[in-house]
Amino acid sequence: MDFDWSNLPFDGQAAPATREVEEAFEDPHSLRLFPDAPRFAEESRAFCLGKTLNGRGIFSVFRADGKRVRVICARTMTEEEDYFYERKLREWTS
């Protein structure tokens, strides 16, 4: 998976490092969610919840064209998002 990191649309200082975002996408248990809200459907955006190798939960908003991923926003998962991720992981592995 190739990432387009040119002209980051979000603050690189406050956001997770690009390597952490890539690790979250490479997480074999990452969740890719495609929202049903018309606003996101028109803009072809999706969400990714994944964990880094160090266990840090990363939430990303992205768009992809099948070859390249363009991350629009990335941040640490909230407590609710982490709970959702862990719940889905338990469902899949039990």
N, C-alpha and C. Protein backbone atom coordinates (compact mmCIF):
# COMPACT_ATOMS: atom_id res chain seq x y z
N MET A 1 0.85 -1.16 0.00
CA MET A 1 0.00 0.00 0.00
C MET A 1 0.90 1.24 0.00
N ASP A 2 0.69 2.12 -0.95
CA ASP A 2 1.45 3.36 -1.04
C ASP A 2 0.65 4.51 -0.42
N PHE A 3 1.37 5.37 0.27
CA PHE A 3 0.75 6.53 0.91
C PHE A 3 1.23 7.80 0.24
N ASP A 4 0.32 8.75 0.12
CA ASP A 4 0.65 10.07 -0.40
C ASP A 4 0.78 11.01 0.79
N TRP A 5 2.02 11.35 1.15
CA TRP A 5 2.28 12.22 2.30
C TRP A 5 2.63 13.63 1.86
N SER A 6 2.44 13.96 0.60
CA SER A 6 2.74 15.31 0.14
C SER A 6 1.67 16.28 0.63
N ASN A 7 2.08 17.48 0.98
CA ASN A 7 1.16 18.53 1.42
C ASN A 7 0.16 18.03 2.46
N LEU A 8 0.67 17.61 3.60
CA LEU A 8 -0.20 17.09 4.66
C LEU A 8 -1.32 18.08 4.97
N PRO A 9 -2.57 17.63 4.92
CA PRO A 9 -3.69 18.53 5.21
C PRO A 9 -3.96 18.69 6.70
N PHE A 10 -3.14 18.06 7.54
CA PHE A 10 -3.34 18.18 8.99
C PHE A 10 -2.00 18.54 9.63
N ASP A 11 -2.07 18.98 10.87
CA ASP A 11 -0.89 19.42 11.61
C ASP A 11 -0.01 18.22 11.94
N GLY A 12 1.14 18.13 11.32
CA GLY A 12 2.05 17.02 11.54
C GLY A 12 2.65 16.99 12.93
N GLN A 13 2.68 18.12 13.62
CA GLN A 13 3.26 18.17 14.97
C GLN A 13 2.34 17.50 16.00
N ALA A 14 1.04 17.79 15.93
CA ALA A 14 0.11 17.25 16.92
C ALA A 14 -0.37 15.85 16.57
N ALA A 15 -0.29 15.49 15.31
CA ALA A 15 -0.79 14.20 14.83
C ALA A 15 0.26 13.11 15.06
N PRO A 16 -0.15 11.85 14.98
CA PRO A 16 0.82 10.75 15.06
C PRO A 16 1.82 10.84 13.91
N ALA A 17 2.97 10.25 14.09
CA ALA A 17 3.98 10.21 13.03
C ALA A 17 3.45 9.42 11.84
N THR A 18 3.93 9.76 10.66
CA THR A 18 3.45 9.07 9.45
C THR A 18 3.70 7.57 9.55
N ARG A 19 4.81 7.16 10.15
CA ARG A 19 5.11 5.72 10.30
C ARG A 19 4.05 5.05 11.18
N GLU A 20 3.61 5.74 12.23
CA GLU A 20 2.57 5.18 13.10
C GLU A 20 1.26 5.01 12.33
N VAL A 21 0.93 5.97 11.51
CA VAL A 21 -0.30 5.88 10.71
C VAL A 21 -0.19 4.70 9.76
N GLU A 22 0.95 4.53 9.11
CA GLU A 22 1.13 3.40 8.20
C GLU A 22 1.04 2.07 8.95
N GLU A 23 1.61 2.00 10.15
CA GLU A 23 1.52 0.78 10.96
C GLU A 23 0.08 0.46 11.30
N ALA A 24 -0.72 1.48 11.60
CA ALA A 24 -2.14 1.26 11.92
C ALA A 24 -2.88 0.68 10.71
N PHE A 25 -2.55 1.14 9.50
CA PHE A 25 -3.17 0.59 8.30
C PHE A 25 -2.71 -0.85 8.06
N GLU A 26 -1.47 -1.16 8.42
CA GLU A 26 -0.93 -2.50 8.21
C GLU A 26 -1.35 -3.50 9.29
N ASP A 27 -1.96 -3.01 10.37
CA ASP A 27 -2.46 -3.86 11.44
C ASP A 27 -3.41 -4.89 10.84
N PRO A 28 -3.14 -6.19 11.02
CA PRO A 28 -4.02 -7.21 10.41
C PRO A 28 -5.45 -7.18 10.96
N HIS A 29 -5.65 -6.53 12.10
CA HIS A 29 -6.98 -6.44 12.69
C HIS A 29 -7.59 -5.06 12.53
N SER A 30 -6.99 -4.21 11.70
CA SER A 30 -7.51 -2.86 11.55
C SER A 30 -8.92 -2.89 10.97
N LEU A 31 -9.69 -1.90 11.33
CA LEU A 31 -11.06 -1.79 10.86
C LEU A 31 -11.12 -0.70 9.80
N ARG A 32 -11.71 -1.01 8.67
CA ARG A 32 -11.95 -0.01 7.63
C ARG A 32 -13.45 0.20 7.58
N LEU A 33 -13.87 1.39 7.85
CA LEU A 33 -15.29 1.70 7.90
C LEU A 33 -15.63 2.69 6.79
N PHE A 34 -16.70 2.40 6.10
CA PHE A 34 -17.16 3.26 5.03
C PHE A 34 -18.50 3.85 5.48
N PRO A 35 -18.50 5.10 5.89
CA PRO A 35 -19.70 5.70 6.47
C PRO A 35 -20.84 5.80 5.47
N ASP A 36 -22.04 5.73 6.00
CA ASP A 36 -23.22 5.83 5.14
C ASP A 36 -23.78 7.25 5.11
N ALA A 37 -23.13 8.18 5.78
CA ALA A 37 -23.58 9.57 5.75
C ALA A 37 -23.34 10.15 4.35
N PRO A 38 -24.32 10.81 3.79
CA PRO A 38 -24.17 11.36 2.43
C PRO A 38 -22.95 12.28 2.28
N ARG A 39 -22.63 13.02 3.32
CA ARG A 39 -21.49 13.93 3.25
C ARG A 39 -20.19 13.20 2.94
N PHE A 40 -19.97 12.07 3.61
CA PHE A 40 -18.74 11.32 3.39
C PHE A 40 -18.78 10.52 2.10
N ALA A 41 -19.95 10.05 1.72
CA ALA A 41 -20.07 9.28 0.48
C ALA A 41 -19.74 10.14 -0.73
N GLU A 42 -20.18 11.40 -0.71
CA GLU A 42 -19.89 12.31 -1.82
C GLU A 42 -18.40 12.59 -1.93
N GLU A 43 -17.71 12.62 -0.81
CA GLU A 43 -16.29 12.96 -0.80
C GLU A 43 -15.40 11.72 -0.85
N SER A 44 -15.98 10.52 -0.92
CA SER A 44 -15.24 9.26 -1.01
C SER A 44 -14.23 9.11 0.13
N ARG A 45 -14.70 9.30 1.33
CA ARG A 45 -13.82 9.16 2.49
C ARG A 45 -14.20 7.94 3.30
N ALA A 46 -13.21 7.41 4.01
CA ALA A 46 -13.42 6.24 4.85
C ALA A 46 -12.60 6.42 6.13
N PHE A 47 -12.85 5.55 7.10
CA PHE A 47 -12.16 5.61 8.38
C PHE A 47 -11.34 4.34 8.58
N CYS A 48 -10.23 4.48 9.27
CA CYS A 48 -9.41 3.33 9.63
C CYS A 48 -9.11 3.41 11.12
N LEU A 49 -9.36 2.32 11.84
CA LEU A 49 -8.97 2.20 13.23
C LEU A 49 -7.98 1.05 13.30
N GLY A 50 -6.78 1.33 13.75
CA GLY A 50 -5.75 0.30 13.82
C GLY A 50 -4.77 0.61 14.92
N LYS A 51 -3.93 -0.36 15.22
CA LYS A 51 -2.93 -0.21 16.29
C LYS A 51 -1.52 -0.26 15.70
N THR A 52 -0.63 0.50 16.31
CA THR A 52 0.77 0.49 15.91
C THR A 52 1.45 -0.73 16.53
N LEU A 53 2.70 -0.94 16.19
CA LEU A 53 3.44 -2.05 16.78
C LEU A 53 3.61 -1.88 18.28
N ASN A 54 3.57 -0.65 18.76
CA ASN A 54 3.67 -0.36 20.20
C ASN A 54 2.32 -0.40 20.89
N GLY A 55 1.23 -0.66 20.14
CA GLY A 55 -0.10 -0.76 20.73
C GLY A 55 -0.87 0.55 20.79
N ARG A 56 -0.35 1.60 20.18
CA ARG A 56 -1.06 2.88 20.17
C ARG A 56 -2.18 2.83 19.14
N GLY A 57 -3.38 3.16 19.56
CA GLY A 57 -4.53 3.17 18.67
C GLY A 57 -4.57 4.44 17.84
N ILE A 58 -4.72 4.29 16.52
CA ILE A 58 -4.75 5.44 15.61
C ILE A 58 -6.06 5.42 14.84
N PHE A 59 -6.72 6.58 14.81
CA PHE A 59 -7.93 6.78 14.02
C PHE A 59 -7.56 7.68 12.85
N SER A 60 -7.87 7.24 11.62
CA SER A 60 -7.54 8.01 10.43
C SER A 60 -8.76 8.17 9.54
N VAL A 61 -8.85 9.31 8.90
CA VAL A 61 -9.81 9.55 7.83
C VAL A 61 -8.98 9.57 6.55
N PHE A 62 -9.41 8.82 5.54
CA PHE A 62 -8.60 8.71 4.34
C PHE A 62 -9.47 8.56 3.10
N ARG A 63 -8.82 8.70 1.97
CA ARG A 63 -9.44 8.33 0.70
C ARG A 63 -8.39 7.57 -0.08
N ALA A 64 -8.83 6.68 -0.94
CA ALA A 64 -7.91 5.85 -1.72
C ALA A 64 -8.44 5.69 -3.13
N ASP A 65 -7.51 5.56 -4.06
CA ASP A 65 -7.90 5.36 -5.45
C ASP A 65 -7.61 3.94 -5.92
N GLY A 66 -7.31 3.04 -5.00
CA GLY A 66 -6.98 1.67 -5.34
C GLY A 66 -5.49 1.41 -5.37
N LYS A 67 -4.70 2.47 -5.54
CA LYS A 67 -3.24 2.34 -5.56
C LYS A 67 -2.58 3.13 -4.44
N ARG A 68 -3.11 4.32 -4.18
CA ARG A 68 -2.51 5.20 -3.18
C ARG A 68 -3.55 5.61 -2.14
N VAL A 69 -3.07 5.74 -0.93
CA VAL A 69 -3.91 6.18 0.18
C VAL A 69 -3.51 7.61 0.53
N ARG A 70 -4.49 8.47 0.63
CA ARG A 70 -4.27 9.86 1.04
C ARG A 70 -4.94 10.05 2.40
N VAL A 71 -4.14 10.18 3.45
CA VAL A 71 -4.66 10.39 4.80
C VAL A 71 -5.01 11.86 4.96
N ILE A 72 -6.25 12.10 5.33
CA ILE A 72 -6.75 13.47 5.48
C ILE A 72 -6.58 13.95 6.91
N CYS A 73 -6.75 13.03 7.84
CA CYS A 73 -6.65 13.37 9.26
C CYS A 73 -6.23 12.12 10.01
N ALA A 74 -5.41 12.28 11.04
CA ALA A 74 -5.01 11.15 11.88
C ALA A 74 -4.81 11.65 13.30
N ARG A 75 -5.23 10.81 14.25
CA ARG A 75 -5.09 11.16 15.66
C ARG A 75 -5.13 9.88 16.48
N THR A 76 -4.84 10.01 17.77
CA THR A 76 -4.94 8.88 18.68
C THR A 76 -6.41 8.55 18.89
N MET A 77 -6.72 7.26 18.96
CA MET A 77 -8.11 6.84 19.19
C MET A 77 -8.62 7.37 20.52
N THR A 78 -9.90 7.69 20.55
CA THR A 78 -10.55 8.04 21.81
C THR A 78 -10.80 6.75 22.58
N GLU A 79 -11.21 6.89 23.81
CA GLU A 79 -11.51 5.72 24.65
C GLU A 79 -12.63 4.88 24.03
N GLU A 80 -13.65 5.54 23.49
CA GLU A 80 -14.77 4.83 22.86
C GLU A 80 -14.33 4.09 21.61
N GLU A 81 -13.49 4.72 20.80
CA GLU A 81 -12.99 4.07 19.59
C GLU A 81 -12.13 2.86 19.92
N ASP A 82 -11.30 2.99 20.97
CA ASP A 82 -10.46 1.87 21.39
C ASP A 82 -11.33 0.72 21.88
N TYR A 83 -12.38 1.03 22.62
CA TYR A 83 -13.31 0.00 23.09
C TYR A 83 -13.96 -0.71 21.90
N PHE A 84 -14.41 0.06 20.91
CA PHE A 84 -15.03 -0.51 19.71
C PHE A 84 -14.05 -1.43 18.99
N TYR A 85 -12.81 -0.99 18.81
CA TYR A 85 -11.77 -1.80 18.16
C TYR A 85 -11.56 -3.11 18.91
N GLU A 86 -11.39 -3.02 20.23
CA GLU A 86 -11.14 -4.22 21.05
C GLU A 86 -12.34 -5.15 21.02
N ARG A 87 -13.55 -4.60 21.04
CA ARG A 87 -14.76 -5.44 20.99
C ARG A 87 -14.83 -6.20 19.67
N LYS A 88 -14.56 -5.52 18.54
CA LYS A 88 -14.56 -6.19 17.24
C LYS A 88 -13.46 -7.25 17.17
N LEU A 89 -12.31 -6.96 17.74
CA LEU A 89 -11.22 -7.93 17.75
C LEU A 89 -11.62 -9.19 18.52
N ARG A 90 -12.27 -9.02 19.66
CA ARG A 90 -12.73 -10.18 20.43
C ARG A 90 -13.77 -10.98 19.66
N GLU A 91 -14.66 -10.29 18.94
CA GLU A 91 -15.69 -10.98 18.13
C GLU A 91 -15.03 -11.85 17.06
N TRP A 92 -14.01 -11.33 16.41
CA TRP A 92 -13.36 -12.05 15.31
C TRP A 92 -12.49 -13.20 15.78
N THR A 93 -11.90 -13.07 16.98
CA THR A 93 -10.94 -14.07 17.42
C THR A 93 -11.52 -15.09 18.39
N SER A 94 -12.80 -14.97 18.71
CA SER A 94 -13.39 -15.95 19.66
C SER A 94 -14.25 -16.95 18.93
